[in-house]
Amino acid sequence: MTPLHLSHFLAAVIFAFFASIVFGITQKNETREMVRYGIQCFVFFVVGTILAGWLMFGIYHLAHR
């Protein structure tokens, strides 16, 4: 069996997917609210990951001028 190679971003997206499912199920009572909250959490996770990546990129390049 060949090893699975994931980028950091793909690993973060997979984590966001499963964490959002858990958050949606555990935090809301109605099915529609669960789905909406899960999608909202997923979007926040992914956008936060992208913003954190850009922030770290900027800090790195400012420090290594």
PDB file of N, CA and C in Angstrom:
ATOM      1  N   MET A   1       0.840  -1.173   0.000  1.00  0.00           N
ATOM      2  CA  MET A   1       0.000   0.000   0.000  1.00  0.00           C
ATOM      3  C   MET A   1       0.890   1.243   0.000  1.00  0.00           C
ATOM      4  N   THR A   2       0.568   2.207  -0.843  1.00  0.00           N
ATOM      5  CA  THR A   2       1.364   3.427  -0.908  1.00  0.00           C
ATOM      6  C   THR A   2       0.954   4.392   0.200  1.00  0.00           C
ATOM      7  N   PRO A   3       1.910   5.138   0.745  1.00  0.00           N
ATOM      8  CA  PRO A   3       1.580   6.086   1.814  1.00  0.00           C
ATOM      9  C   PRO A   3       0.780   7.272   1.272  1.00  0.00           C
ATOM     10  N   LEU A   4      -0.045   7.817   2.116  1.00  0.00           N
ATOM     11  CA  LEU A   4      -0.861   8.966   1.756  1.00  0.00           C
ATOM     12  C   LEU A   4      -0.095  10.240   2.087  1.00  0.00           C
ATOM     13  N   HIS A   5       0.055  11.118   1.099  1.00  0.00           N
ATOM     14  CA  HIS A   5       0.772  12.373   1.294  1.00  0.00           C
ATOM     15  C   HIS A   5      -0.231  13.514   1.241  1.00  0.00           C
ATOM     16  N   LEU A   6      -0.399  14.199   2.380  1.00  0.00           N
ATOM     17  CA  LEU A   6      -1.315  15.325   2.471  1.00  0.00           C
ATOM     18  C   LEU A   6      -0.536  16.613   2.661  1.00  0.00           C
ATOM     19  N   SER A   7      -1.009  17.672   2.016  1.00  0.00           N
ATOM     20  CA  SER A   7      -0.437  18.986   2.304  1.00  0.00           C
ATOM     21  C   SER A   7      -1.009  19.464   3.635  1.00  0.00           C
ATOM     22  N   HIS A   8      -0.393  20.473   4.199  1.00  0.00           N
ATOM     23  CA  HIS A   8      -0.902  21.013   5.457  1.00  0.00           C
ATOM     24  C   HIS A   8      -2.308  21.581   5.265  1.00  0.00           C
ATOM     25  N   PHE A   9      -2.523  22.237   4.133  1.00  0.00           N
ATOM     26  CA  PHE A   9      -3.836  22.833   3.873  1.00  0.00           C
ATOM     27  C   PHE A   9      -4.912  21.762   3.754  1.00  0.00           C
ATOM     28  N   LEU A  10      -4.630  20.692   3.019  1.00  0.00           N
ATOM     29  CA  LEU A  10      -5.612  19.621   2.867  1.00  0.00           C
ATOM     30  C   LEU A  10      -5.898  18.952   4.208  1.00  0.00           C
ATOM     31  N   ALA A  11      -4.874  18.765   5.022  1.00  0.00           N
ATOM     32  CA  ALA A  11      -5.086  18.201   6.354  1.00  0.00           C
ATOM     33  C   ALA A  11      -5.966  19.121   7.202  1.00  0.00           C
ATOM     34  N   ALA A  12      -5.754  20.437   7.093  1.00  0.00           N
ATOM     35  CA  ALA A  12      -6.575  21.395   7.839  1.00  0.00           C
ATOM     36  C   ALA A  12      -8.022  21.379   7.345  1.00  0.00           C
ATOM     37  N   VAL A  13      -8.236  21.237   6.045  1.00  0.00           N
ATOM     38  CA  VAL A  13      -9.594  21.182   5.489  1.00  0.00           C
ATOM     39  C   VAL A  13     -10.306  19.912   5.954  1.00  0.00           C
ATOM     40  N   ILE A  14      -9.601  18.792   5.972  1.00  0.00           N
ATOM     41  CA  ILE A  14     -10.202  17.544   6.452  1.00  0.00           C
ATOM     42  C   ILE A  14     -10.555  17.663   7.933  1.00  0.00           C
ATOM     43  N   PHE A  15      -9.652  18.236   8.720  1.00  0.00           N
ATOM     44  CA  PHE A  15      -9.947  18.472  10.132  1.00  0.00           C
ATOM     45  C   PHE A  15     -11.160  19.374  10.293  1.00  0.00           C
ATOM     46  N   ALA A  16     -11.208  20.458   9.504  1.00  0.00           N
ATOM     47  CA  ALA A  16     -12.331  21.401   9.571  1.00  0.00           C
ATOM     48  C   ALA A  16     -13.640  20.706   9.235  1.00  0.00           C
ATOM     49  N   PHE A  17     -13.629  19.820   8.261  1.00  0.00           N
ATOM     50  CA  PHE A  17     -14.825  19.095   7.864  1.00  0.00           C
ATOM     51  C   PHE A  17     -15.376  18.266   9.021  1.00  0.00           C
ATOM     52  N   PHE A  18     -14.512  17.461   9.628  1.00  0.00           N
ATOM     53  CA  PHE A  18     -14.983  16.585  10.700  1.00  0.00           C
ATOM     54  C   PHE A  18     -15.304  17.360  11.982  1.00  0.00           C
ATOM     55  N   ALA A  19     -14.506  18.372  12.302  1.00  0.00           N
ATOM     56  CA  ALA A  19     -14.797  19.187  13.483  1.00  0.00           C
ATOM     57  C   ALA A  19     -16.119  19.923  13.310  1.00  0.00           C
ATOM     58  N   SER A  20     -16.409  20.392  12.099  1.00  0.00           N
ATOM     59  CA  SER A  20     -17.661  21.100  11.840  1.00  0.00           C
ATOM     60  C   SER A  20     -18.869  20.184  11.985  1.00  0.00           C
ATOM     61  N   ILE A  21     -18.722  18.944  11.581  1.00  0.00           N
ATOM     62  CA  ILE A  21     -19.801  17.968  11.770  1.00  0.00           C
ATOM     63  C   ILE A  21     -20.077  17.790  13.258  1.00  0.00           C
ATOM     64  N   VAL A  22     -19.020  17.604  14.029  1.00  0.00           N
ATOM     65  CA  VAL A  22     -19.179  17.417  15.477  1.00  0.00           C
ATOM     66  C   VAL A  22     -19.785  18.659  16.123  1.00  0.00           C
ATOM     67  N   PHE A  23     -19.283  19.839  15.763  1.00  0.00           N
ATOM     68  CA  PHE A  23     -19.830  21.079  16.320  1.00  0.00           C
ATOM     69  C   PHE A  23     -21.299  21.238  15.971  1.00  0.00           C
ATOM     70  N   GLY A  24     -21.659  20.972  14.725  1.00  0.00           N
ATOM     71  CA  GLY A  24     -23.054  21.107  14.307  1.00  0.00           C
ATOM     72  C   GLY A  24     -23.975  20.180  15.080  1.00  0.00           C
ATOM     73  N   ILE A  25     -23.543  18.947  15.271  1.00  0.00           N
ATOM     74  CA  ILE A  25     -24.380  17.963  15.970  1.00  0.00           C
ATOM     75  C   ILE A  25     -24.498  18.284  17.455  1.00  0.00           C
ATOM     76  N   THR A  26     -23.395  18.710  18.065  1.00  0.00           N
ATOM     77  CA  THR A  26     -23.404  18.881  19.517  1.00  0.00           C
ATOM     78  C   THR A  26     -23.912  20.244  19.986  1.00  0.00           C
ATOM     79  N   GLN A  27     -23.924  21.241  19.124  1.00  0.00           N
ATOM     80  CA  GLN A  27     -24.268  22.587  19.573  1.00  0.00           C
ATOM     81  C   GLN A  27     -25.692  23.016  19.247  1.00  0.00           C
ATOM     82  N   LYS A  28     -26.350  22.356  18.325  1.00  0.00           N
ATOM     83  CA  LYS A  28     -27.694  22.778  17.914  1.00  0.00           C
ATOM     84  C   LYS A  28     -28.680  21.621  18.056  1.00  0.00           C
ATOM     85  N   ASN A  29     -29.969  21.951  18.150  1.00  0.00           N
ATOM     86  CA  ASN A  29     -30.994  20.936  18.374  1.00  0.00           C
ATOM     87  C   ASN A  29     -31.741  20.538  17.110  1.00  0.00           C
ATOM     88  N   GLU A  30     -32.069  21.485  16.262  1.00  0.00           N
ATOM     89  CA  GLU A  30     -32.827  21.211  15.046  1.00  0.00           C
ATOM     90  C   GLU A  30     -31.887  20.836  13.905  1.00  0.00           C
ATOM     91  N   THR A  31     -32.366  19.962  13.012  1.00  0.00           N
ATOM     92  CA  THR A  31     -31.533  19.484  11.907  1.00  0.00           C
ATOM     93  C   THR A  31     -31.063  20.635  11.023  1.00  0.00           C
ATOM     94  N   ARG A  32     -31.974  21.540  10.704  1.00  0.00           N
ATOM     95  CA  ARG A  32     -31.615  22.668   9.841  1.00  0.00           C
ATOM     96  C   ARG A  32     -30.549  23.547  10.510  1.00  0.00           C
ATOM     97  N   GLU A  33     -30.687  23.772  11.810  1.00  0.00           N
ATOM     98  CA  GLU A  33     -29.697  24.555  12.546  1.00  0.00           C
ATOM     99  C   GLU A  33     -28.350  23.838  12.596  1.00  0.00           C
ATOM    100  N   MET A  34     -28.386  22.505  12.739  1.00  0.00           N
ATOM    101  CA  MET A  34     -27.151  21.726  12.764  1.00  0.00           C
ATOM    102  C   MET A  34     -26.378  21.883  11.465  1.00  0.00           C
ATOM    103  N   VAL A  35     -27.092  21.752  10.350  1.00  0.00           N
ATOM    104  CA  VAL A  35     -26.447  21.842   9.036  1.00  0.00           C
ATOM    105  C   VAL A  35     -25.899  23.251   8.824  1.00  0.00           C
ATOM    106  N   ARG A  36     -26.699  24.246   9.130  1.00  0.00           N
ATOM    107  CA  ARG A  36     -26.277  25.633   8.936  1.00  0.00           C
ATOM    108  C   ARG A  36     -25.064  25.962   9.807  1.00  0.00           C
ATOM    109  N   TYR A  37     -25.092  25.564  11.052  1.00  0.00           N
ATOM    110  CA  TYR A  37     -23.981  25.840  11.961  1.00  0.00           C
ATOM    111  C   TYR A  37     -22.729  25.068  11.529  1.00  0.00           C
ATOM    112  N   GLY A  38     -22.897  23.832  11.077  1.00  0.00           N
ATOM    113  CA  GLY A  38     -21.761  23.045  10.593  1.00  0.00           C
ATOM    114  C   GLY A  38     -21.099  23.685   9.390  1.00  0.00           C
ATOM    115  N   ILE A  39     -21.907  24.160   8.447  1.00  0.00           N
ATOM    116  CA  ILE A  39     -21.357  24.843   7.269  1.00  0.00           C
ATOM    117  C   ILE A  39     -20.665  26.138   7.679  1.00  0.00           C
ATOM    118  N   GLN A  40     -21.285  26.868   8.590  1.00  0.00           N
ATOM    119  CA  GLN A  40     -20.692  28.118   9.068  1.00  0.00           C
ATOM    120  C   GLN A  40     -19.345  27.843   9.748  1.00  0.00           C
ATOM    121  N   CYS A  41     -19.271  26.836  10.582  1.00  0.00           N
ATOM    122  CA  CYS A  41     -18.006  26.490  11.243  1.00  0.00           C
ATOM    123  C   CYS A  41     -16.955  26.084  10.224  1.00  0.00           C
ATOM    124  N   PHE A  42     -17.347  25.307   9.223  1.00  0.00           N
ATOM    125  CA  PHE A  42     -16.413  24.875   8.188  1.00  0.00           C
ATOM    126  C   PHE A  42     -15.833  26.073   7.453  1.00  0.00           C
ATOM    127  N   VAL A  43     -16.687  27.007   7.074  1.00  0.00           N
ATOM    128  CA  VAL A  43     -16.215  28.203   6.370  1.00  0.00           C
ATOM    129  C   VAL A  43     -15.277  29.008   7.263  1.00  0.00           C
ATOM    130  N   PHE A  44     -15.626  29.172   8.548  1.00  0.00           N
ATOM    131  CA  PHE A  44     -14.755  29.904   9.470  1.00  0.00           C
ATOM    132  C   PHE A  44     -13.401  29.218   9.619  1.00  0.00           C
ATOM    133  N   PHE A  45     -13.392  27.892   9.736  1.00  0.00           N
ATOM    134  CA  PHE A  45     -12.139  27.152   9.839  1.00  0.00           C
ATOM    135  C   PHE A  45     -11.265  27.377   8.609  1.00  0.00           C
ATOM    136  N   VAL A  46     -11.840  27.226   7.421  1.00  0.00           N
ATOM    137  CA  VAL A  46     -11.059  27.332   6.182  1.00  0.00           C
ATOM    138  C   VAL A  46     -10.569  28.763   5.977  1.00  0.00           C
ATOM    139  N   VAL A  47     -11.441  29.734   6.164  1.00  0.00           N
ATOM    140  CA  VAL A  47     -11.030  31.133   6.013  1.00  0.00           C
ATOM    141  C   VAL A  47      -9.971  31.490   7.058  1.00  0.00           C
ATOM    142  N   GLY A  48     -10.152  31.024   8.277  1.00  0.00           N
ATOM    143  CA  GLY A  48      -9.154  31.265   9.316  1.00  0.00           C
ATOM    144  C   GLY A  48      -7.811  30.642   8.984  1.00  0.00           C
ATOM    145  N   THR A  49      -7.834  29.464   8.385  1.00  0.00           N
ATOM    146  CA  THR A  49      -6.597  28.798   7.983  1.00  0.00           C
ATOM    147  C   THR A  49      -5.880  29.603   6.902  1.00  0.00           C
ATOM    148  N   ILE A  50      -6.639  30.084   5.919  1.00  0.00           N
ATOM    149  CA  ILE A  50      -6.042  30.881   4.848  1.00  0.00           C
ATOM    150  C   ILE A  50      -5.478  32.194   5.400  1.00  0.00           C
ATOM    151  N   LEU A  51      -6.243  32.863   6.262  1.00  0.00           N
ATOM    152  CA  LEU A  51      -5.765  34.117   6.849  1.00  0.00           C
ATOM    153  C   LEU A  51      -4.524  33.899   7.710  1.00  0.00           C
ATOM    154  N   ALA A  52      -4.513  32.827   8.491  1.00  0.00           N
ATOM    155  CA  ALA A  52      -3.340  32.522   9.320  1.00  0.00           C
ATOM    156  C   ALA A  52      -2.123  32.233   8.441  1.00  0.00           C
ATOM    157  N   GLY A  53      -2.333  31.541   7.333  1.00  0.00           N
ATOM    158  CA  GLY A  53      -1.236  31.267   6.401  1.00  0.00           C
ATOM    159  C   GLY A  53      -0.659  32.544   5.815  1.00  0.00           C
ATOM    160  N   TRP A  54      -1.518  33.464   5.397  1.00  0.00           N
ATOM    161  CA  TRP A  54      -1.046  34.744   4.863  1.00  0.00           C
ATOM    162  C   TRP A  54      -0.344  35.554   5.945  1.00  0.00           C
ATOM    163  N   LEU A  55      -0.858  35.525   7.155  1.00  0.00           N
ATOM    164  CA  LEU A  55      -0.229  36.243   8.249  1.00  0.00           C
ATOM    165  C   LEU A  55       1.177  35.695   8.519  1.00  0.00           C
ATOM    166  N   MET A  56       1.309  34.381   8.581  1.00  0.00           N
ATOM    167  CA  MET A  56       2.621  33.775   8.810  1.00  0.00           C
ATOM    168  C   MET A  56       3.572  34.056   7.647  1.00  0.00           C
ATOM    169  N   PHE A  57       3.049  34.049   6.422  1.00  0.00           N
ATOM    170  CA  PHE A  57       3.845  34.377   5.240  1.00  0.00           C
ATOM    171  C   PHE A  57       4.387  35.796   5.356  1.00  0.00           C
ATOM    172  N   GLY A  58       3.516  36.725   5.736  1.00  0.00           N
ATOM    173  CA  GLY A  58       3.926  38.122   5.877  1.00  0.00           C
ATOM    174  C   GLY A  58       4.945  38.318   6.979  1.00  0.00           C
ATOM    175  N   ILE A  59       4.724  37.687   8.113  1.00  0.00           N
ATOM    176  CA  ILE A  59       5.661  37.806   9.233  1.00  0.00           C
ATOM    177  C   ILE A  59       7.023  37.231   8.847  1.00  0.00           C
ATOM    178  N   TYR A  60       7.019  36.097   8.173  1.00  0.00           N
ATOM    179  CA  TYR A  60       8.266  35.468   7.761  1.00  0.00           C
ATOM    180  C   TYR A  60       9.050  36.385   6.823  1.00  0.00           C
ATOM    181  N   HIS A  61       8.370  36.951   5.845  1.00  0.00           N
ATOM    182  CA  HIS A  61       9.061  37.780   4.869  1.00  0.00           C
ATOM    183  C   HIS A  61       9.473  39.133   5.426  1.00  0.00           C
ATOM    184  N   LEU A  62       8.762  39.632   6.419  1.00  0.00           N
ATOM    185  CA  LEU A  62       9.189  40.855   7.085  1.00  0.00           C
ATOM    186  C   LEU A  62      10.422  40.606   7.936  1.00  0.00           C
ATOM    187  N   ALA A  63      10.494  39.443   8.548  1.00  0.00           N
ATOM    188  CA  ALA A  63      11.612  39.117   9.427  1.00  0.00           C
ATOM    189  C   ALA A  63      12.877  38.763   8.641  1.00  0.00           C
ATOM    190  N   HIS A  64      12.728  38.335   7.397  1.00  0.00           N
ATOM    191  CA  HIS A  64      13.886  37.880   6.602  1.00  0.00           C
ATOM    192  C   HIS A  64      14.179  38.827   5.447  1.00  0.00           C
ATOM    193  N   ARG A  65      14.098  40.094   5.689  1.00  0.00           N
ATOM    194  CA  ARG A  65      14.442  41.076   4.635  1.00  0.00           C
ATOM    195  C   ARG A  65      15.904  41.246   4.516  1.00  0.00           C
TER     196      ARG A  65
END
